[in-house]
Each structure stands twice: as C-alpha cells, then as structure tokens.
Amino acid sequence: MITCTLTYKIDPAQLEAFETYSKAWIYLVNKMGGTHHGYFLPHEGANNKAWCMFSFASLAAYEDYRTRMDADAECRAAYDYAVKTKCILSYDRTFTRPLLDGASPAELGLI
C-alpha cells in the first residue's frame, strides 16, 4: 500500500471553495479505486494550511489512477473549479507506506 499526503497552502478567503473542492476529491478518489482518509482543514493556528491523505494498493495503482484521472470529466471539473476559485495557492505531495500493525515490546525483542 502507498499513501499520498498532500500539504496545501490555501487562500483563507477561499476556504469554502476549498472545502467544496475537497468533498469532490474524497468522492473521486474513492470512485477511482483509492481509499481517501479525509481532508484536514484549518481550525486553530495557521489559517492557510490544509492536508489530505489517500491510499492505493501500490504505486502502479496510483499511477493508473493518475492516468485515468486526467481523462475523467468529473476529475477535470474538480480541478478546473480549484483553478477558477484560486483556492489552492500551492501544494506538496509526499508518498509514504503506512505501518498499521503494532507489536508488544516482548514480540519485538525489546525486553
């Protein structure tokens, strides 16, 4: 599994537009075979930063999503909405692999 984390710099005056954009992408990523873990919008602290995370089974599955996304009318409409509203000033994309299973210190040989 591979997880994509996006860190956004957003226009605080366009927070409502960014929330609309975010809701669309939660739907779209799930529709296209990923698992969206949600958007995290400003509440306290910096008012111009937001994050989201979504996962695909593999990097190849993510790359296939990117190809299909580019040709999908709903995805294009969501992207165009962000451009039109200028709600996103910039973003950074990072890929990680989740570690989801824990183990006791004894199982890990720590004690």
C-alpha atoms as a PDB file:
ATOM      1  CA  MET A   1       0.000   0.000   0.000  1.00  0.00           C
ATOM      2  CA  ILE A   2       1.133   3.536  -0.746  1.00  0.00           C
ATOM      3  CA  THR A   3      -0.301   6.661   0.871  1.00  0.00           C
ATOM      4  CA  CYS A   4      -0.176  10.083  -0.706  1.00  0.00           C
ATOM      5  CA  THR A   5      -0.146  13.042   1.670  1.00  0.00           C
ATOM      6  CA  LEU A   6      -0.857  16.451   0.214  1.00  0.00           C
ATOM      7  CA  THR A   7       0.077  19.582   2.117  1.00  0.00           C
ATOM      8  CA  TYR A   8      -1.769  22.599   0.773  1.00  0.00           C
ATOM      9  CA  LYS A   9      -1.220  26.306   1.087  1.00  0.00           C
ATOM     10  CA  ILE A  10      -4.710  27.697   0.608  1.00  0.00           C
ATOM     11  CA  ASP A  11      -6.284  31.128   0.321  1.00  0.00           C
ATOM     12  CA  PRO A  12      -8.074  31.666   3.665  1.00  0.00           C
ATOM     13  CA  ALA A  13     -10.630  33.863   1.897  1.00  0.00           C
ATOM     14  CA  GLN A  14     -11.497  30.848  -0.296  1.00  0.00           C
ATOM     15  CA  LEU A  15     -11.884  28.270   2.492  1.00  0.00           C
ATOM     16  CA  GLU A  16     -15.471  27.480   1.476  1.00  0.00           C
ATOM     17  CA  ALA A  17     -14.349  26.874  -2.113  1.00  0.00           C
ATOM     18  CA  PHE A  18     -11.508  24.638  -0.892  1.00  0.00           C
ATOM     19  CA  GLU A  19     -13.968  22.633   1.211  1.00  0.00           C
ATOM     20  CA  THR A  20     -16.173  22.127  -1.868  1.00  0.00           C
ATOM     21  CA  TYR A  21     -13.109  21.017  -3.856  1.00  0.00           C
ATOM     22  CA  SER A  22     -12.111  18.646  -1.027  1.00  0.00           C
ATOM     23  CA  LYS A  23     -15.512  16.973  -0.862  1.00  0.00           C
ATOM     24  CA  ALA A  24     -15.366  16.335  -4.600  1.00  0.00           C
ATOM     25  CA  TRP A  25     -11.939  14.687  -4.363  1.00  0.00           C
ATOM     26  CA  ILE A  26     -12.938  12.430  -1.469  1.00  0.00           C
ATOM     27  CA  TYR A  27     -15.700  11.120  -3.703  1.00  0.00           C
ATOM     28  CA  LEU A  28     -13.467  10.937  -6.802  1.00  0.00           C
ATOM     29  CA  VAL A  29     -10.524   9.109  -5.227  1.00  0.00           C
ATOM     30  CA  ASN A  30     -12.871   6.520  -3.737  1.00  0.00           C
ATOM     31  CA  LYS A  31     -14.721   6.199  -7.076  1.00  0.00           C
ATOM     32  CA  MET A  32     -11.433   5.549  -8.858  1.00  0.00           C
ATOM     33  CA  GLY A  33     -10.300   2.726  -6.570  1.00  0.00           C
ATOM     34  CA  GLY A  34      -8.408   4.525  -3.823  1.00  0.00           C
ATOM     35  CA  THR A  35      -9.179   4.937  -0.164  1.00  0.00           C
ATOM     36  CA  HIS A  36      -9.466   8.569   0.894  1.00  0.00           C
ATOM     37  CA  HIS A  37      -8.615   9.249   4.544  1.00  0.00           C
ATOM     38  CA  GLY A  38     -10.051  12.762   4.540  1.00  0.00           C
ATOM     39  CA  TYR A  39      -9.062  16.391   4.382  1.00  0.00           C
ATOM     40  CA  PHE A  40      -7.882  18.288   7.423  1.00  0.00           C
ATOM     41  CA  LEU A  41      -8.868  21.941   7.235  1.00  0.00           C
ATOM     42  CA  PRO A  42      -7.666  24.911   9.296  1.00  0.00           C
ATOM     43  CA  HIS A  43      -9.301  25.371  12.683  1.00  0.00           C
ATOM     44  CA  GLU A  44      -6.789  26.776  15.167  1.00  0.00           C
ATOM     45  CA  GLY A  45      -3.359  28.099  14.283  1.00  0.00           C
ATOM     46  CA  ALA A  46      -2.374  28.801  10.698  1.00  0.00           C
ATOM     47  CA  ASN A  47      -5.398  29.592   8.548  1.00  0.00           C
ATOM     48  CA  ASN A  48      -3.736  28.883   5.207  1.00  0.00           C
ATOM     49  CA  LYS A  49      -2.673  25.222   5.587  1.00  0.00           C
ATOM     50  CA  ALA A  50      -4.632  22.041   4.945  1.00  0.00           C
ATOM     51  CA  TRP A  51      -3.785  18.379   4.433  1.00  0.00           C
ATOM     52  CA  CYS A  52      -5.267  15.246   2.945  1.00  0.00           C
ATOM     53  CA  MET A  53      -4.266  11.618   2.737  1.00  0.00           C
ATOM     54  CA  PHE A  54      -5.376   8.835   0.432  1.00  0.00           C
ATOM     55  CA  SER A  55      -4.064   5.372  -0.359  1.00  0.00           C
ATOM     56  CA  PHE A  56      -3.810   2.985  -3.283  1.00  0.00           C
ATOM     57  CA  ALA A  57      -2.772  -0.660  -3.260  1.00  0.00           C
ATOM     58  CA  SER A  58       0.554   0.139  -4.947  1.00  0.00           C
ATOM     59  CA  LEU A  59       2.482   2.855  -6.757  1.00  0.00           C
ATOM     60  CA  ALA A  60       1.389   1.236 -10.032  1.00  0.00           C
ATOM     61  CA  ALA A  61      -2.275   1.536  -8.954  1.00  0.00           C
ATOM     62  CA  TYR A  62      -1.692   5.193  -8.071  1.00  0.00           C
ATOM     63  CA  GLU A  63      -0.058   5.839 -11.463  1.00  0.00           C
ATOM     64  CA  ASP A  64      -3.016   4.162 -13.190  1.00  0.00           C
ATOM     65  CA  TYR A  65      -5.363   6.430 -11.191  1.00  0.00           C
ATOM     66  CA  ARG A  66      -3.388   9.482 -12.336  1.00  0.00           C
ATOM     67  CA  THR A  67      -3.746   8.428 -15.981  1.00  0.00           C
ATOM     68  CA  ARG A  68      -7.471   7.757 -15.645  1.00  0.00           C
ATOM     69  CA  MET A  69      -7.984  10.901 -13.555  1.00  0.00           C
ATOM     70  CA  ASP A  70      -6.600  13.077 -16.320  1.00  0.00           C
ATOM     71  CA  ALA A  71      -9.205  11.722 -18.757  1.00  0.00           C
ATOM     72  CA  ASP A  72     -12.162  11.741 -16.333  1.00  0.00           C
ATOM     73  CA  ALA A  73     -14.704  14.555 -16.818  1.00  0.00           C
ATOM     74  CA  GLU A  74     -15.577  14.786 -13.112  1.00  0.00           C
ATOM     75  CA  CYS A  75     -11.902  14.984 -12.125  1.00  0.00           C
ATOM     76  CA  ARG A  76     -11.282  17.684 -14.737  1.00  0.00           C
ATOM     77  CA  ALA A  77     -14.285  19.657 -13.417  1.00  0.00           C
ATOM     78  CA  ALA A  78     -12.963  19.488  -9.839  1.00  0.00           C
ATOM     79  CA  TYR A  79      -9.505  20.594 -10.949  1.00  0.00           C
ATOM     80  CA  ASP A  80     -10.946  23.418 -13.052  1.00  0.00           C
ATOM     81  CA  TYR A  81     -13.003  24.569 -10.061  1.00  0.00           C
ATOM     82  CA  ALA A  82      -9.836  24.971  -7.980  1.00  0.00           C
ATOM     83  CA  VAL A  83      -8.191  26.935 -10.790  1.00  0.00           C
ATOM     84  CA  LYS A  84     -11.244  29.157 -11.217  1.00  0.00           C
ATOM     85  CA  THR A  85     -11.623  29.899  -7.482  1.00  0.00           C
ATOM     86  CA  LYS A  86      -7.862  30.116  -6.814  1.00  0.00           C
ATOM     87  CA  CYS A  87      -8.477  28.379  -3.500  1.00  0.00           C
ATOM     88  CA  ILE A  88      -5.151  26.492  -3.732  1.00  0.00           C
ATOM     89  CA  LEU A  89      -2.016  28.618  -3.761  1.00  0.00           C
ATOM     90  CA  SER A  90       0.430  25.700  -3.793  1.00  0.00           C
ATOM     91  CA  TYR A  91       0.758  22.099  -2.683  1.00  0.00           C
ATOM     92  CA  ASP A  92       3.355  19.457  -1.924  1.00  0.00           C
ATOM     93  CA  ARG A  93       2.853  15.724  -2.497  1.00  0.00           C
ATOM     94  CA  THR A  94       4.622  13.082  -0.399  1.00  0.00           C
ATOM     95  CA  PHE A  95       4.360   9.292  -0.665  1.00  0.00           C
ATOM     96  CA  THR A  96       4.698   7.034   2.334  1.00  0.00           C
ATOM     97  CA  ARG A  97       3.914   3.466   3.245  1.00  0.00           C
ATOM     98  CA  PRO A  98       1.683   3.087   6.271  1.00  0.00           C
ATOM     99  CA  LEU A  99       2.698   0.980   9.236  1.00  0.00           C
ATOM    100  CA  LEU A 100      -0.606  -0.203  10.659  1.00  0.00           C
ATOM    101  CA  ASP A 101       0.159  -3.232  12.819  1.00  0.00           C
ATOM    102  CA  GLY A 102       1.702  -2.923  16.240  1.00  0.00           C
ATOM    103  CA  ALA A 103       3.502  -5.478  18.360  1.00  0.00           C
ATOM    104  CA  SER A 104       4.348  -5.747  22.019  1.00  0.00           C
ATOM    105  CA  PRO A 105       7.868  -4.871  23.174  1.00  0.00           C
ATOM    106  CA  ALA A 106       8.373  -8.565  24.013  1.00  0.00           C
ATOM    107  CA  GLU A 107       7.379  -9.654  20.484  1.00  0.00           C
ATOM    108  CA  LEU A 108       9.852  -7.140  19.097  1.00  0.00           C
ATOM    109  CA  GLY A 109      12.685  -8.413  21.282  1.00  0.00           C
ATOM    110  CA  LEU A 110      12.929  -5.141  23.197  1.00  0.00           C
ATOM    111  CA  ILE A 111      12.579  -6.852  26.575  1.00  0.00           C
END
